[in-house]
PDB file of all heavy atoms in Angstrom:
ATOM      1  N   ILE A   1      -8.968   5.801  -6.016  1.00  0.00           N
ATOM      2  CA  ILE A   1      -8.352   4.886  -5.044  1.00  0.00           C
ATOM      3  C   ILE A   1      -8.359   5.580  -3.656  1.00  0.00           C
ATOM      4  O   ILE A   1      -7.885   6.741  -3.566  1.00  0.00           O
ATOM      5  CB  ILE A   1      -6.872   4.555  -5.449  1.00  0.00           C
ATOM      6  CG1 ILE A   1      -6.908   3.798  -6.722  1.00  0.00           C
ATOM      7  CG2 ILE A   1      -6.218   3.739  -4.331  1.00  0.00           C
ATOM      8  CD1 ILE A   1      -5.576   3.488  -7.260  1.00  0.00           C
ATOM      9  N   LEU A   2      -8.949   4.927  -2.706  1.00  0.00           N
ATOM     10  CA  LEU A   2      -9.022   5.495  -1.362  1.00  0.00           C
ATOM     11  C   LEU A   2      -7.742   5.026  -0.558  1.00  0.00           C
ATOM     12  O   LEU A   2      -7.693   3.880  -0.184  1.00  0.00           O
ATOM     13  CB  LEU A   2     -10.332   5.036  -0.651  1.00  0.00           C
ATOM     14  CG  LEU A   2     -11.571   5.427  -1.369  1.00  0.00           C
ATOM     15  CD1 LEU A   2     -12.773   4.860  -0.648  1.00  0.00           C
ATOM     16  CD2 LEU A   2     -11.652   6.887  -1.576  1.00  0.00           C
ATOM     17  N   ALA A   3      -6.751   5.884  -0.553  1.00  0.00           N
ATOM     18  CA  ALA A   3      -5.452   5.509   0.119  1.00  0.00           C
ATOM     19  C   ALA A   3      -5.041   6.447   1.197  1.00  0.00           C
ATOM     20  O   ALA A   3      -3.907   6.739   1.360  1.00  0.00           O
ATOM     21  CB  ALA A   3      -4.411   5.522  -1.042  1.00  0.00           C
ATOM     22  N   ALA A   4      -6.026   6.905   1.973  1.00  0.00           N
ATOM     23  CA  ALA A   4      -5.696   7.941   3.000  1.00  0.00           C
ATOM     24  C   ALA A   4      -5.574   7.386   4.338  1.00  0.00           C
ATOM     25  O   ALA A   4      -5.210   8.121   5.257  1.00  0.00           O
ATOM     26  CB  ALA A   4      -6.828   9.042   3.060  1.00  0.00           C
ATOM     27  N   GLY A   5      -5.803   6.115   4.536  1.00  0.00           N
ATOM     28  CA  GLY A   5      -5.653   5.564   5.941  1.00  0.00           C
ATOM     29  C   GLY A   5      -4.263   5.572   6.534  1.00  0.00           C
ATOM     30  O   GLY A   5      -3.315   5.434   5.757  1.00  0.00           O
ATOM     31  N   ALA A   6      -4.163   5.640   7.836  1.00  0.00           N
ATOM     32  CA  ALA A   6      -2.903   5.533   8.435  1.00  0.00           C
ATOM     33  C   ALA A   6      -2.310   4.152   8.593  1.00  0.00           C
ATOM     34  O   ALA A   6      -1.154   3.958   8.875  1.00  0.00           O
ATOM     35  CB  ALA A   6      -3.011   6.207   9.802  1.00  0.00           C
ATOM     36  N   GLY A   7      -3.160   3.208   8.348  1.00  0.00           N
ATOM     37  CA  GLY A   7      -2.574   1.702   8.447  1.00  0.00           C
ATOM     38  C   GLY A   7      -2.244   1.413   9.860  1.00  0.00           C
ATOM     39  O   GLY A   7      -1.246   0.657  10.089  1.00  0.00           O
ATOM     40  N   THR A   8      -3.007   1.776  10.850  1.00  0.00           N
ATOM     41  CA  THR A   8      -2.629   1.539  12.207  1.00  0.00           C
ATOM     42  C   THR A   8      -2.561   0.082  12.598  1.00  0.00           C
ATOM     43  O   THR A   8      -1.825  -0.359  13.549  1.00  0.00           O
ATOM     44  CB  THR A   8      -3.561   2.306  13.206  1.00  0.00           C
ATOM     45  OG1 THR A   8      -4.892   1.896  12.898  1.00  0.00           O
ATOM     46  CG2 THR A   8      -3.452   3.815  13.050  1.00  0.00           C
ATOM     47  N   ARG A   9      -3.308  -0.767  11.894  1.00  0.00           N
ATOM     48  CA  ARG A   9      -3.355  -2.166  12.190  1.00  0.00           C
ATOM     49  C   ARG A   9      -2.007  -2.848  11.643  1.00  0.00           C
ATOM     50  O   ARG A   9      -1.710  -4.040  12.006  1.00  0.00           O
ATOM     51  CB  ARG A   9      -4.564  -2.888  11.626  1.00  0.00           C
ATOM     52  CG  ARG A   9      -5.798  -2.537  12.321  1.00  0.00           C
ATOM     53  CD  ARG A   9      -6.964  -3.208  11.707  1.00  0.00           C
ATOM     54  NE  ARG A   9      -7.194  -2.724  10.410  1.00  0.00           N
ATOM     55  CZ  ARG A   9      -8.380  -2.274   9.948  1.00  0.00           C
ATOM     56  NH1 ARG A   9      -9.406  -2.316  10.678  1.00  0.00           N
ATOM     57  NH2 ARG A   9      -8.471  -1.866   8.697  1.00  0.00           N
ATOM     58  N   LEU A  10      -1.310  -2.109  10.911  1.00  0.00           N
ATOM     59  CA  LEU A  10       0.006  -2.641  10.395  1.00  0.00           C
ATOM     60  C   LEU A  10       1.267  -2.079  11.187  1.00  0.00           C
ATOM     61  O   LEU A  10       2.367  -2.256  10.681  1.00  0.00           O
ATOM     62  CB  LEU A  10       0.134  -2.315   8.885  1.00  0.00           C
ATOM     63  CG  LEU A  10      -0.895  -3.063   7.948  1.00  0.00           C
ATOM     64  CD1 LEU A  10      -0.631  -2.577   6.529  1.00  0.00           C
ATOM     65  CD2 LEU A  10      -0.753  -4.519   8.099  1.00  0.00           C
ATOM     66  N   ASP A  11       0.955  -1.360  12.270  1.00  0.00           N
ATOM     67  CA  ASP A  11       2.080  -0.841  13.037  1.00  0.00           C
ATOM     68  C   ASP A  11       2.900  -1.954  13.491  1.00  0.00           C
ATOM     69  O   ASP A  11       2.493  -3.147  13.764  1.00  0.00           O
ATOM     70  CB  ASP A  11       1.478  -0.198  14.317  1.00  0.00           C
ATOM     71  CG  ASP A  11       1.096   1.259  14.026  1.00  0.00           C
ATOM     72  OD1 ASP A  11       1.400   1.776  12.932  1.00  0.00           O
ATOM     73  OD2 ASP A  11       0.495   1.911  15.010  1.00  0.00           O
ATOM     74  N   PRO A  12       4.228  -1.792  13.542  1.00  0.00           N
ATOM     75  CA  PRO A  12       5.020  -0.501  13.364  1.00  0.00           C
ATOM     76  C   PRO A  12       5.422  -0.301  11.936  1.00  0.00           C
ATOM     77  O   PRO A  12       6.053   0.624  11.606  1.00  0.00           O
ATOM     78  CB  PRO A  12       6.189  -0.868  14.235  1.00  0.00           C
ATOM     79  CG  PRO A  12       6.457  -2.253  14.117  1.00  0.00           C
ATOM     80  CD  PRO A  12       5.081  -2.865  14.091  1.00  0.00           C
ATOM     81  N   LEU A  13       5.081  -1.191  10.997  1.00  0.00           N
ATOM     82  CA  LEU A  13       5.438  -1.078   9.597  1.00  0.00           C
ATOM     83  C   LEU A  13       4.969   0.231   8.997  1.00  0.00           C
ATOM     84  O   LEU A  13       5.797   0.887   8.237  1.00  0.00           O
ATOM     85  CB  LEU A  13       4.846  -2.299   8.851  1.00  0.00           C
ATOM     86  CG  LEU A  13       5.187  -2.384   7.284  1.00  0.00           C
ATOM     87  CD1 LEU A  13       6.643  -2.526   7.146  1.00  0.00           C
ATOM     88  CD2 LEU A  13       4.423  -3.454   6.708  1.00  0.00           C
ATOM     89  N   THR A  14       3.867   0.750   9.356  1.00  0.00           N
ATOM     90  CA  THR A  14       3.291   1.856   8.709  1.00  0.00           C
ATOM     91  C   THR A  14       3.527   3.221   9.492  1.00  0.00           C
ATOM     92  O   THR A  14       2.981   4.233   9.164  1.00  0.00           O
ATOM     93  CB  THR A  14       1.737   1.765   8.488  1.00  0.00           C
ATOM     94  OG1 THR A  14       1.131   1.401   9.801  1.00  0.00           O
ATOM     95  CG2 THR A  14       1.444   0.722   7.496  1.00  0.00           C
ATOM     96  N   LEU A  15       4.401   3.164  10.473  1.00  0.00           N
ATOM     97  CA  LEU A  15       4.723   4.373  11.167  1.00  0.00           C
ATOM     98  C   LEU A  15       5.552   5.292  10.214  1.00  0.00           C
ATOM     99  O   LEU A  15       5.415   6.490  10.376  1.00  0.00           O
ATOM    100  CB  LEU A  15       5.551   4.127  12.455  1.00  0.00           C
ATOM    101  CG  LEU A  15       4.799   3.446  13.540  1.00  0.00           C
ATOM    102  CD1 LEU A  15       5.729   3.093  14.765  1.00  0.00           C
ATOM    103  CD2 LEU A  15       3.679   4.283  14.036  1.00  0.00           C
ATOM    104  N   GLN A  16       6.368   4.696   9.361  1.00  0.00           N
ATOM    105  CA  GLN A  16       7.215   5.528   8.489  1.00  0.00           C
ATOM    106  C   GLN A  16       6.924   5.167   7.012  1.00  0.00           C
ATOM    107  O   GLN A  16       7.680   5.763   6.132  1.00  0.00           O
ATOM    108  CB  GLN A  16       8.739   5.347   8.789  1.00  0.00           C
ATOM    109  CG  GLN A  16       9.099   5.791  10.240  1.00  0.00           C
ATOM    110  CD  GLN A  16      10.441   5.617  10.547  1.00  0.00           C
ATOM    111  OE1 GLN A  16      11.283   4.990   9.762  1.00  0.00           O
ATOM    112  NE2 GLN A  16      10.895   6.155  11.661  1.00  0.00           N
ATOM    113  N   LEU A  17       6.098   4.278   6.703  1.00  0.00           N
ATOM    114  CA  LEU A  17       5.761   3.912   5.377  1.00  0.00           C
ATOM    115  C   LEU A  17       4.223   3.885   5.205  1.00  0.00           C
ATOM    116  O   LEU A  17       3.580   3.206   5.964  1.00  0.00           O
ATOM    117  CB  LEU A  17       6.287   2.458   5.100  1.00  0.00           C
ATOM    118  CG  LEU A  17       6.171   1.887   3.797  1.00  0.00           C
ATOM    119  CD1 LEU A  17       7.158   2.693   2.757  1.00  0.00           C
ATOM    120  CD2 LEU A  17       6.467   0.431   3.742  1.00  0.00           C
ATOM    121  N   PRO A  18       3.788   4.617   4.239  1.00  0.00           N
ATOM    122  CA  PRO A  18       2.240   4.598   4.067  1.00  0.00           C
ATOM    123  C   PRO A  18       1.770   3.232   3.609  1.00  0.00           C
ATOM    124  O   PRO A  18       2.466   2.610   2.809  1.00  0.00           O
ATOM    125  CB  PRO A  18       2.001   5.792   2.970  1.00  0.00           C
ATOM    126  CG  PRO A  18       3.294   5.918   2.297  1.00  0.00           C
ATOM    127  CD  PRO A  18       4.363   5.503   3.303  1.00  0.00           C
ATOM    128  N   LYS A  19       0.623   2.944   3.920  1.00  0.00           N
ATOM    129  CA  LYS A  19       0.026   1.682   3.536  1.00  0.00           C
ATOM    130  C   LYS A  19       0.020   1.332   2.065  1.00  0.00           C
ATOM    131  O   LYS A  19       0.399   0.183   1.769  1.00  0.00           O
ATOM    132  CB  LYS A  19      -1.441   1.542   4.202  1.00  0.00           C
ATOM    133  CG  LYS A  19      -2.010   0.177   4.049  1.00  0.00           C
ATOM    134  CD  LYS A  19      -3.314   0.146   4.828  1.00  0.00           C
ATOM    135  CE  LYS A  19      -4.338   1.176   4.605  1.00  0.00           C
ATOM    136  NZ  LYS A  19      -5.568   0.949   5.301  1.00  0.00           N
ATOM    137  N   PRO A  20      -0.211   2.295   1.165  1.00  0.00           N
ATOM    138  CA  PRO A  20      -0.159   1.979  -0.242  1.00  0.00           C
ATOM    139  C   PRO A  20       1.278   1.619  -0.728  1.00  0.00           C
ATOM    140  O   PRO A  20       1.400   1.001  -1.783  1.00  0.00           O
ATOM    141  CB  PRO A  20      -0.620   3.287  -0.890  1.00  0.00           C
ATOM    142  CG  PRO A  20      -1.362   4.022   0.109  1.00  0.00           C
ATOM    143  CD  PRO A  20      -0.814   3.607   1.387  1.00  0.00           C
ATOM    144  N   LEU A  21       2.258   1.846   0.048  1.00  0.00           N
ATOM    145  CA  LEU A  21       3.659   1.473  -0.342  1.00  0.00           C
ATOM    146  C   LEU A  21       4.114   0.261   0.343  1.00  0.00           C
ATOM    147  O   LEU A  21       5.314  -0.144   0.119  1.00  0.00           O
ATOM    148  CB  LEU A  21       4.652   2.695  -0.101  1.00  0.00           C
ATOM    149  CG  LEU A  21       4.431   3.875  -0.886  1.00  0.00           C
ATOM    150  CD1 LEU A  21       5.551   4.884  -0.573  1.00  0.00           C
ATOM    151  CD2 LEU A  21       4.466   3.546  -2.405  1.00  0.00           C
ATOM    152  N   VAL A  22       3.290  -0.402   1.120  1.00  0.00           N
ATOM    153  CA  VAL A  22       3.633  -1.644   1.795  1.00  0.00           C
ATOM    154  C   VAL A  22       3.900  -2.655   0.739  1.00  0.00           C
ATOM    155  O   VAL A  22       3.085  -2.876  -0.201  1.00  0.00           O
ATOM    156  CB  VAL A  22       2.598  -2.116   2.825  1.00  0.00           C
ATOM    157  CG1 VAL A  22       2.912  -3.620   3.224  1.00  0.00           C
ATOM    158  CG2 VAL A  22       2.530  -1.205   3.944  1.00  0.00           C
ATOM    159  N   PRO A  23       5.093  -3.339   0.691  1.00  0.00           N
ATOM    160  CA  PRO A  23       5.402  -4.231  -0.445  1.00  0.00           C
ATOM    161  C   PRO A  23       4.669  -5.603  -0.244  1.00  0.00           C
ATOM    162  O   PRO A  23       4.554  -6.180   0.723  1.00  0.00           O
ATOM    163  CB  PRO A  23       6.903  -4.482  -0.272  1.00  0.00           C
ATOM    164  CG  PRO A  23       7.244  -4.178   1.099  1.00  0.00           C
ATOM    165  CD  PRO A  23       6.265  -3.098   1.621  1.00  0.00           C
ATOM    166  N   ILE A  24       4.159  -6.025  -1.447  1.00  0.00           N
ATOM    167  CA  ILE A  24       3.633  -7.315  -1.552  1.00  0.00           C
ATOM    168  C   ILE A  24       4.288  -7.990  -2.842  1.00  0.00           C
ATOM    169  O   ILE A  24       4.190  -7.330  -3.938  1.00  0.00           O
ATOM    170  CB  ILE A  24       2.081  -7.341  -1.752  1.00  0.00           C
ATOM    171  CG1 ILE A  24       1.460  -6.810  -0.529  1.00  0.00           C
ATOM    172  CG2 ILE A  24       1.593  -8.749  -2.130  1.00  0.00           C
ATOM    173  CD1 ILE A  24      -0.081  -6.644  -0.506  1.00  0.00           C
ATOM    174  N   VAL A  25       4.996  -9.037  -2.695  1.00  0.00           N
ATOM    175  CA  VAL A  25       5.765  -9.600  -3.784  1.00  0.00           C
ATOM    176  C   VAL A  25       6.771  -8.597  -4.390  1.00  0.00           C
ATOM    177  O   VAL A  25       6.804  -8.382  -5.547  1.00  0.00           O
ATOM    178  CB  VAL A  25       4.873 -10.230  -4.889  1.00  0.00           C
ATOM    179  CG1 VAL A  25       5.720 -11.164  -5.792  1.00  0.00           C
ATOM    180  CG2 VAL A  25       3.788 -11.063  -4.249  1.00  0.00           C
ATOM    181  N   ASN A  26       7.463  -7.925  -3.464  1.00  0.00           N
ATOM    182  CA  ASN A  26       8.449  -6.944  -3.823  1.00  0.00           C
ATOM    183  C   ASN A  26       7.943  -5.685  -4.639  1.00  0.00           C
ATOM    184  O   ASN A  26       8.851  -4.969  -5.157  1.00  0.00           O
ATOM    185  CB  ASN A  26       9.609  -7.582  -4.661  1.00  0.00           C
ATOM    186  CG  ASN A  26      10.239  -8.713  -3.832  1.00  0.00           C
ATOM    187  OD1 ASN A  26      10.453  -8.558  -2.674  1.00  0.00           O
ATOM    188  ND2 ASN A  26      10.629  -9.770  -4.487  1.00  0.00           N
ATOM    189  N   ARG A  27       6.722  -5.425  -4.614  1.00  0.00           N
ATOM    190  CA  ARG A  27       6.237  -4.240  -5.185  1.00  0.00           C
ATOM    191  C   ARG A  27       5.101  -3.608  -4.305  1.00  0.00           C
ATOM    192  O   ARG A  27       4.398  -4.364  -3.588  1.00  0.00           O
ATOM    193  CB  ARG A  27       5.580  -4.544  -6.557  1.00  0.00           C
ATOM    194  CG  ARG A  27       6.509  -4.869  -7.644  1.00  0.00           C
ATOM    195  CD  ARG A  27       5.937  -5.330  -8.907  1.00  0.00           C
ATOM    196  NE  ARG A  27       4.907  -4.399  -9.347  1.00  0.00           N
ATOM    197  CZ  ARG A  27       3.708  -4.850  -9.943  1.00  0.00           C
ATOM    198  NH1 ARG A  27       3.582  -6.069 -10.244  1.00  0.00           N
ATOM    199  NH2 ARG A  27       2.829  -3.967 -10.424  1.00  0.00           N
ATOM    200  N   PRO A  28       5.029  -2.314  -4.226  1.00  0.00           N
ATOM    201  CA  PRO A  28       4.039  -1.690  -3.403  1.00  0.00           C
ATOM    202  C   PRO A  28       2.528  -2.124  -3.837  1.00  0.00           C
ATOM    203  O   PRO A  28       2.282  -2.322  -5.018  1.00  0.00           O
ATOM    204  CB  PRO A  28       4.151  -0.174  -3.543  1.00  0.00           C
ATOM    205  CG  PRO A  28       5.601  -0.069  -4.065  1.00  0.00           C
ATOM    206  CD  PRO A  28       5.911  -1.289  -4.869  1.00  0.00           C
ATOM    207  N   VAL A  29       1.745  -2.195  -2.877  1.00  0.00           N
ATOM    208  CA  VAL A  29       0.363  -2.652  -3.146  1.00  0.00           C
ATOM    209  C   VAL A  29      -0.365  -1.684  -4.133  1.00  0.00           C
ATOM    210  O   VAL A  29      -1.123  -2.096  -4.925  1.00  0.00           O
ATOM    211  CB  VAL A  29      -0.436  -2.813  -1.787  1.00  0.00           C
ATOM    212  CG1 VAL A  29      -0.663  -1.414  -1.139  1.00  0.00           C
ATOM    213  CG2 VAL A  29      -1.753  -3.529  -2.076  1.00  0.00           C
ATOM    214  N   LEU A  30       0.068  -0.399  -4.014  1.00  0.00           N
ATOM    215  CA  LEU A  30      -0.575   0.567  -4.975  1.00  0.00           C
ATOM    216  C   LEU A  30      -0.184   0.264  -6.383  1.00  0.00           C
ATOM    217  O   LEU A  30      -0.989   0.457  -7.359  1.00  0.00           O
ATOM    218  CB  LEU A  30      -0.173   1.936  -4.664  1.00  0.00           C
ATOM    219  CG  LEU A  30      -0.888   3.123  -5.411  1.00  0.00           C
ATOM    220  CD1 LEU A  30      -2.415   2.990  -5.280  1.00  0.00           C
ATOM    221  CD2 LEU A  30      -0.494   4.428  -4.827  1.00  0.00           C
ATOM    222  N   GLU A  31       1.020  -0.257  -6.646  1.00  0.00           N
ATOM    223  CA  GLU A  31       1.443  -0.579  -8.036  1.00  0.00           C
ATOM    224  C   GLU A  31       0.493  -1.746  -8.573  1.00  0.00           C
ATOM    225  O   GLU A  31       0.253  -1.755  -9.739  1.00  0.00           O
ATOM    226  CB  GLU A  31       2.842  -0.989  -8.003  1.00  0.00           C
ATOM    227  CG  GLU A  31       3.785   0.018  -8.566  1.00  0.00           C
ATOM    228  CD  GLU A  31       5.223  -0.490  -8.833  1.00  0.00           C
ATOM    229  OE1 GLU A  31       5.457  -1.215  -9.793  1.00  0.00           O
ATOM    230  OE2 GLU A  31       6.148  -0.129  -7.984  1.00  0.00           O
ATOM    231  N   HIS A  32       0.346  -2.748  -7.701  1.00  0.00           N
ATOM    232  CA  HIS A  32      -0.474  -3.912  -8.018  1.00  0.00           C
ATOM    233  C   HIS A  32      -1.909  -3.341  -8.428  1.00  0.00           C
ATOM    234  O   HIS A  32      -2.487  -3.786  -9.433  1.00  0.00           O
ATOM    235  CB  HIS A  32      -0.578  -4.925  -6.931  1.00  0.00           C
ATOM    236  CG  HIS A  32       0.743  -5.623  -6.704  1.00  0.00           C
ATOM    237  ND1 HIS A  32       1.222  -6.595  -7.526  1.00  0.00           N
ATOM    238  CD2 HIS A  32       1.542  -5.497  -5.663  1.00  0.00           C
ATOM    239  CE1 HIS A  32       2.266  -7.080  -7.054  1.00  0.00           C
ATOM    240  NE2 HIS A  32       2.505  -6.432  -5.970  1.00  0.00           N
ATOM    241  N   THR A  33      -2.470  -2.457  -7.644  1.00  0.00           N
ATOM    242  CA  THR A  33      -3.809  -1.926  -7.863  1.00  0.00           C
ATOM    243  C   THR A  33      -3.820  -1.192  -9.189  1.00  0.00           C
ATOM    244  O   THR A  33      -4.758  -1.309  -9.956  1.00  0.00           O
ATOM    245  CB  THR A  33      -4.207  -0.947  -6.662  1.00  0.00           C
ATOM    246  OG1 THR A  33      -4.127  -1.695  -5.521  1.00  0.00           O
ATOM    247  CG2 THR A  33      -5.594  -0.415  -6.870  1.00  0.00           C
ATOM    248  N   LEU A  34      -2.847  -0.357  -9.400  1.00  0.00           N
ATOM    249  CA  LEU A  34      -2.794   0.388 -10.728  1.00  0.00           C
ATOM    250  C   LEU A  34      -2.687  -0.587 -11.890  1.00  0.00           C
ATOM    251  O   LEU A  34      -3.345  -0.350 -12.949  1.00  0.00           O
ATOM    252  CB  LEU A  34      -1.673   1.404 -10.736  1.00  0.00           C
ATOM    253  CG  LEU A  34      -1.761   2.571  -9.751  1.00  0.00           C
ATOM    254  CD1 LEU A  34      -0.445   3.322  -9.645  1.00  0.00           C
ATOM    255  CD2 LEU A  34      -2.983   3.420 -10.193  1.00  0.00           C
ATOM    256  N   ASP A  35      -1.919  -1.602 -11.816  1.00  0.00           N
ATOM    257  CA  ASP A  35      -1.802  -2.561 -12.889  1.00  0.00           C
ATOM    258  C   ASP A  35      -3.208  -3.276 -13.122  1.00  0.00           C
ATOM    259  O   ASP A  35      -3.510  -3.460 -14.287  1.00  0.00           O
ATOM    260  CB  ASP A  35      -0.804  -3.661 -12.540  1.00  0.00           C
ATOM    261  CG  ASP A  35       0.655  -3.226 -12.619  1.00  0.00           C
ATOM    262  OD1 ASP A  35       0.868  -2.103 -13.134  1.00  0.00           O
ATOM    263  OD2 ASP A  35       1.510  -3.907 -12.138  1.00  0.00           O
ATOM    264  N   LEU A  36      -3.847  -3.618 -12.144  1.00  0.00           N
ATOM    265  CA  LEU A  36      -5.231  -4.216 -12.298  1.00  0.00           C
ATOM    266  C   LEU A  36      -6.254  -3.242 -12.880  1.00  0.00           C
ATOM    267  O   LEU A  36      -6.961  -3.649 -13.826  1.00  0.00           O
ATOM    268  CB  LEU A  36      -5.774  -4.667 -10.954  1.00  0.00           C
ATOM    269  CG  LEU A  36      -5.247  -6.018 -10.361  1.00  0.00           C
ATOM    270  CD1 LEU A  36      -5.628  -6.244  -8.982  1.00  0.00           C
ATOM    271  CD2 LEU A  36      -5.636  -7.098 -11.341  1.00  0.00           C
ATOM    272  N   LEU A  37      -6.144  -1.956 -12.453  1.00  0.00           N
ATOM    273  CA  LEU A  37      -7.115  -0.931 -13.095  1.00  0.00           C
ATOM    274  C   LEU A  37      -6.757  -0.842 -14.526  1.00  0.00           C
ATOM    275  O   LEU A  37      -7.736  -0.776 -15.364  1.00  0.00           O
ATOM    276  CB  LEU A  37      -6.984   0.323 -12.362  1.00  0.00           C
ATOM    277  CG  LEU A  37      -7.567   0.346 -10.931  1.00  0.00           C
ATOM    278  CD1 LEU A  37      -7.165   1.689 -10.252  1.00  0.00           C
ATOM    279  CD2 LEU A  37      -9.032   0.187 -11.035  1.00  0.00           C
ATOM    280  N   LYS A  38      -5.464  -0.804 -14.948  1.00  0.00           N
ATOM    281  CA  LYS A  38      -5.045  -0.579 -16.359  1.00  0.00           C
ATOM    282  C   LYS A  38      -5.549  -1.841 -17.130  1.00  0.00           C
ATOM    283  O   LYS A  38      -6.119  -1.778 -18.216  1.00  0.00           O
ATOM    284  CB  LYS A  38      -3.559  -0.477 -16.411  1.00  0.00           C
ATOM    285  CG  LYS A  38      -3.011  -0.254 -17.832  1.00  0.00           C
ATOM    286  CD  LYS A  38      -1.529  -0.017 -17.813  1.00  0.00           C
ATOM    287  CE  LYS A  38      -1.027   0.281 -19.192  1.00  0.00           C
ATOM    288  NZ  LYS A  38       0.456   0.550 -19.157  1.00  0.00           N
ATOM    289  N   LYS A  39      -5.380  -3.033 -16.543  1.00  0.00           N
ATOM    290  CA  LYS A  39      -5.785  -4.277 -17.282  1.00  0.00           C
ATOM    291  C   LYS A  39      -7.274  -4.323 -17.485  1.00  0.00           C
ATOM    292  O   LYS A  39      -7.709  -4.840 -18.486  1.00  0.00           O
ATOM    293  CB  LYS A  39      -5.282  -5.464 -16.365  1.00  0.00           C
ATOM    294  CG  LYS A  39      -5.792  -6.775 -16.876  1.00  0.00           C
ATOM    295  CD  LYS A  39      -5.386  -7.876 -15.920  1.00  0.00           C
ATOM    296  CE  LYS A  39      -5.994  -9.260 -16.341  1.00  0.00           C
ATOM    297  NZ  LYS A  39      -5.692 -10.273 -15.405  1.00  0.00           N
TER     298      LYS A  39
END
């Protein structure tokens, strides 16, 4: 998983929160990605 970006297009949200932890439907996007990979 390439999760190294600073997420500058999501500023100011990503100034203190890394992009993989941005919530989508109350869960970080990285959790959704891991669930799909497992599936």
